[in-house]
């Protein structure tokens, strides 16, 4: 069994029933989702994650407007 699969199974074993139900919903969605991310979208996601790692982001609650 692969290391990833073993680690995943260990984590699944530690989940509560509500967490397992939520995980199952996510897995079902992943298996049935027909829409895929384009290469351009993947590039944007990678760039965004890199910006987050470098601290080049602001939290929504710090910038949201409350005067509207």
Protein backbone atom coordinates (compact mmCIF):
# COMPACT_ATOMS: atom_id res chain seq x y z
CA UNK A 1 0.00 0.00 0.00
CA UNK A 2 1.33 3.45 -0.84
CA UNK A 3 2.40 5.88 1.90
CA UNK A 4 -0.28 8.36 0.86
CA UNK A 5 -3.02 5.74 1.05
CA UNK A 6 -1.80 4.54 4.47
CA UNK A 7 -1.72 8.08 5.84
CA UNK A 8 -5.14 8.84 4.40
CA UNK A 9 -6.63 5.72 5.98
CA UNK A 10 -5.13 6.64 9.36
CA UNK A 11 -6.68 10.08 9.16
CA UNK A 12 -10.05 8.66 8.11
CA UNK A 13 -10.00 6.28 11.10
CA UNK A 14 -9.64 9.26 13.45
CA UNK A 15 -12.70 11.15 12.13
CA UNK A 16 -16.03 11.43 13.93
CA UNK A 17 -19.25 10.26 12.27
CA UNK A 18 -20.26 13.81 11.17
CA UNK A 19 -16.76 14.38 9.77
CA UNK A 20 -16.92 11.06 7.89
CA UNK A 21 -20.27 12.03 6.38
CA UNK A 22 -18.84 15.36 5.23
CA UNK A 23 -15.75 13.65 3.80
CA UNK A 24 -17.95 11.18 1.96
CA UNK A 25 -19.92 14.06 0.42
CA UNK A 26 -16.65 15.61 -0.79
CA UNK A 27 -15.43 12.32 -2.23
CA UNK A 28 -18.74 11.77 -4.02
CA UNK A 29 -18.50 15.29 -5.47
CA UNK A 30 -14.91 14.71 -6.63
CA UNK A 31 -15.89 11.50 -8.38
CA UNK A 32 -18.88 13.00 -10.16
CA UNK A 33 -17.68 16.54 -10.90
CA UNK A 34 -17.48 17.07 -14.65
CA UNK A 35 -15.92 20.52 -14.60
CA UNK A 36 -12.13 20.55 -14.60
CA UNK A 37 -9.66 23.31 -13.90
CA UNK A 38 -7.90 24.63 -16.98
CA UNK A 39 -4.12 24.94 -17.15
CA UNK A 40 -4.45 28.75 -16.91
CA UNK A 41 -6.56 28.38 -13.75
CA UNK A 42 -4.01 25.95 -12.28
CA UNK A 43 -1.28 28.52 -12.95
CA UNK A 44 -3.30 31.23 -11.20
CA UNK A 45 -3.91 28.95 -8.24
CA UNK A 46 -0.19 28.13 -7.93
CA UNK A 47 0.68 31.82 -8.11
CA UNK A 48 -1.93 32.65 -5.47
CA UNK A 49 -0.67 29.95 -3.13
CA UNK A 50 2.88 31.22 -3.54
CA UNK A 51 1.73 34.76 -2.69
CA UNK A 52 0.05 33.44 0.45
CA UNK A 53 3.24 31.60 1.47
CA UNK A 54 5.20 34.84 1.05
CA UNK A 55 2.69 36.82 3.09
CA UNK A 56 1.49 38.84 0.11
CA UNK A 57 -2.16 38.66 0.98
CA UNK A 58 -4.71 40.27 3.24
CA UNK A 59 -7.55 38.64 5.11
CA UNK A 60 -11.07 39.42 3.94
CA UNK A 61 -12.13 40.58 7.39
CA UNK A 62 -9.30 43.15 7.33
CA UNK A 63 -10.42 44.76 4.09
CA UNK A 64 -14.18 44.27 3.85
CA UNK A 65 -16.27 47.38 3.90
CA UNK A 66 -18.91 47.78 6.55
CA UNK A 67 -20.19 51.18 5.43
CA UNK A 68 -22.29 49.86 2.53
